Amino acid sequence: LGEGHLELDHLFLVQKFIGKGFGQLLLTDFLRKAKELNTIDIILEADPNAELFYKKFGFVTYDQRESSIKERFLPLMKLDFK
């Protein structure tokens, strides 16, 4: 997105692995690497069912957009490092 700004895209797990800690491992590793790169912020477009997952890591919802499925809205989220 530009110097110091990242977008997390396509972090998905197969249904049978959800709730077993794999998402936490993946996101923790991503955030560690982002910090090493002196990232300023990270944005993402979450599945509505994953919004609470990202909030546990400090992401905040700043907006939403309607998905291709009518009347289904995707949270737009951001994590500031600085």
C-alpha atoms as a PDB file:
ATOM      1  CA  LEU A   1       0.000   0.000   0.000  1.00  0.00           C
ATOM      2  CA  GLY A   2       2.994   2.263   0.444  1.00  0.00           C
ATOM      3  CA  GLU A   3       5.957   2.723   2.737  1.00  0.00           C
ATOM      4  CA  GLY A   4       5.083   1.307   6.143  1.00  0.00           C
ATOM      5  CA  HIS A   5       1.490   0.408   5.276  1.00  0.00           C
ATOM      6  CA  LEU A   6       0.390  -3.200   4.807  1.00  0.00           C
ATOM      7  CA  GLU A   7      -2.806  -4.945   3.796  1.00  0.00           C
ATOM      8  CA  LEU A   8      -3.552  -8.427   5.060  1.00  0.00           C
ATOM      9  CA  ASP A   9      -5.501 -10.342   2.441  1.00  0.00           C
ATOM     10  CA  HIS A  10      -6.707 -13.934   2.128  1.00  0.00           C
ATOM     11  CA  LEU A  11      -6.064 -15.342   5.596  1.00  0.00           C
ATOM     12  CA  PHE A  12      -8.421 -18.320   5.595  1.00  0.00           C
ATOM     13  CA  LEU A  13      -8.496 -21.684   7.318  1.00  0.00           C
ATOM     14  CA  VAL A  14     -10.263 -24.854   6.312  1.00  0.00           C
ATOM     15  CA  GLN A  15     -13.356 -25.135   8.519  1.00  0.00           C
ATOM     16  CA  LYS A  16     -12.124 -28.197  10.451  1.00  0.00           C
ATOM     17  CA  PHE A  17      -9.040 -26.248  11.628  1.00  0.00           C
ATOM     18  CA  ILE A  18     -10.908 -23.184  12.949  1.00  0.00           C
ATOM     19  CA  GLY A  19     -10.770 -22.897  16.733  1.00  0.00           C
ATOM     20  CA  LYS A  20      -7.607 -24.979  17.089  1.00  0.00           C
ATOM     21  CA  GLY A  21      -5.083 -22.132  17.332  1.00  0.00           C
ATOM     22  CA  PHE A  22      -3.784 -22.190  13.760  1.00  0.00           C
ATOM     23  CA  GLY A  23      -5.220 -18.764  12.903  1.00  0.00           C
ATOM     24  CA  GLN A  24      -3.600 -17.310  15.996  1.00  0.00           C
ATOM     25  CA  LEU A  25      -0.245 -18.819  14.993  1.00  0.00           C
ATOM     26  CA  LEU A  26      -0.492 -17.428  11.472  1.00  0.00           C
ATOM     27  CA  LEU A  27      -1.577 -13.947  12.535  1.00  0.00           C
ATOM     28  CA  THR A  28       0.980 -13.757  15.363  1.00  0.00           C
ATOM     29  CA  ASP A  29       3.751 -14.627  12.905  1.00  0.00           C
ATOM     30  CA  PHE A  30       2.471 -12.063  10.393  1.00  0.00           C
ATOM     31  CA  LEU A  31       2.338  -9.334  13.068  1.00  0.00           C
ATOM     32  CA  ARG A  32       5.853 -10.192  14.272  1.00  0.00           C
ATOM     33  CA  LYS A  33       7.192  -9.850  10.728  1.00  0.00           C
ATOM     34  CA  ALA A  34       5.234  -6.625  10.204  1.00  0.00           C
ATOM     35  CA  LYS A  35       6.857  -5.126  13.324  1.00  0.00           C
ATOM     36  CA  GLU A  36      10.300  -6.137  12.037  1.00  0.00           C
ATOM     37  CA  LEU A  37       9.521  -4.140   8.878  1.00  0.00           C
ATOM     38  CA  ASN A  38       8.687  -1.051  10.984  1.00  0.00           C
ATOM     39  CA  THR A  39       5.097  -1.150   9.787  1.00  0.00           C
ATOM     40  CA  ILE A  40       2.967   1.870  10.620  1.00  0.00           C
ATOM     41  CA  ASP A  41      -0.395   0.200  10.151  1.00  0.00           C
ATOM     42  CA  ILE A  42      -2.194  -2.786   8.694  1.00  0.00           C
ATOM     43  CA  ILE A  43      -5.626  -2.808   7.100  1.00  0.00           C
ATOM     44  CA  LEU A  44      -7.831  -5.734   6.219  1.00  0.00           C
ATOM     45  CA  GLU A  45     -11.303  -6.595   5.025  1.00  0.00           C
ATOM     46  CA  ALA A  46     -12.669  -9.236   7.401  1.00  0.00           C
ATOM     47  CA  ASP A  47     -15.296 -11.865   7.080  1.00  0.00           C
ATOM     48  CA  PRO A  48     -18.059 -10.813   9.492  1.00  0.00           C
ATOM     49  CA  ASN A  49     -17.521 -14.056  11.438  1.00  0.00           C
ATOM     50  CA  ALA A  50     -13.822 -13.234  11.937  1.00  0.00           C
ATOM     51  CA  GLU A  51     -14.245  -9.672  13.218  1.00  0.00           C
ATOM     52  CA  LEU A  52     -13.932 -10.668  16.893  1.00  0.00           C
ATOM     53  CA  PHE A  53     -10.843 -12.750  16.087  1.00  0.00           C
ATOM     54  CA  TYR A  54      -9.050  -9.698  14.692  1.00  0.00           C
ATOM     55  CA  LYS A  55     -10.251  -7.483  17.553  1.00  0.00           C
ATOM     56  CA  LYS A  56      -8.428  -9.809  19.973  1.00  0.00           C
ATOM     57  CA  PHE A  57      -5.206  -8.723  18.262  1.00  0.00           C
ATOM     58  CA  GLY A  58      -5.983  -5.007  18.507  1.00  0.00           C
ATOM     59  CA  PHE A  59      -7.612  -4.378  15.138  1.00  0.00           C
ATOM     60  CA  VAL A  60     -10.468  -1.875  15.186  1.00  0.00           C
ATOM     61  CA  THR A  61     -13.359  -1.636  12.763  1.00  0.00           C
ATOM     62  CA  TYR A  62     -13.370   1.736  11.024  1.00  0.00           C
ATOM     63  CA  ASP A  63     -15.953   1.150   8.284  1.00  0.00           C
ATOM     64  CA  GLN A  64     -17.758  -1.545   6.327  1.00  0.00           C
ATOM     65  CA  ARG A  65     -18.566  -2.328   2.732  1.00  0.00           C
ATOM     66  CA  GLU A  66     -21.340  -4.365   1.200  1.00  0.00           C
ATOM     67  CA  SER A  67     -20.125  -7.662  -0.186  1.00  0.00           C
ATOM     68  CA  SER A  68     -21.197  -9.257  -3.440  1.00  0.00           C
ATOM     69  CA  ILE A  69     -23.915 -10.941  -1.359  1.00  0.00           C
ATOM     70  CA  LYS A  70     -26.706  -8.396  -1.010  1.00  0.00           C
ATOM     71  CA  GLU A  71     -27.167  -7.034   2.535  1.00  0.00           C
ATOM     72  CA  ARG A  72     -23.980  -8.719   3.813  1.00  0.00           C
ATOM     73  CA  PHE A  73     -21.396  -6.255   5.060  1.00  0.00           C
ATOM     74  CA  LEU A  74     -17.675  -6.813   5.498  1.00  0.00           C
ATOM     75  CA  PRO A  75     -15.878  -5.031   8.337  1.00  0.00           C
ATOM     76  CA  LEU A  76     -12.942  -2.867   7.253  1.00  0.00           C
ATOM     77  CA  MET A  77     -10.373  -3.061  10.035  1.00  0.00           C
ATOM     78  CA  LYS A  78      -7.091  -1.402  10.953  1.00  0.00           C
ATOM     79  CA  LEU A  79      -4.233  -1.953  13.391  1.00  0.00           C
ATOM     80  CA  ASP A  80      -1.925   0.969  14.166  1.00  0.00           C
ATOM     81  CA  PHE A  81       1.593   0.200  15.343  1.00  0.00           C
ATOM     82  CA  LYS A  82       2.639   3.759  16.094  1.00  0.00           C
END
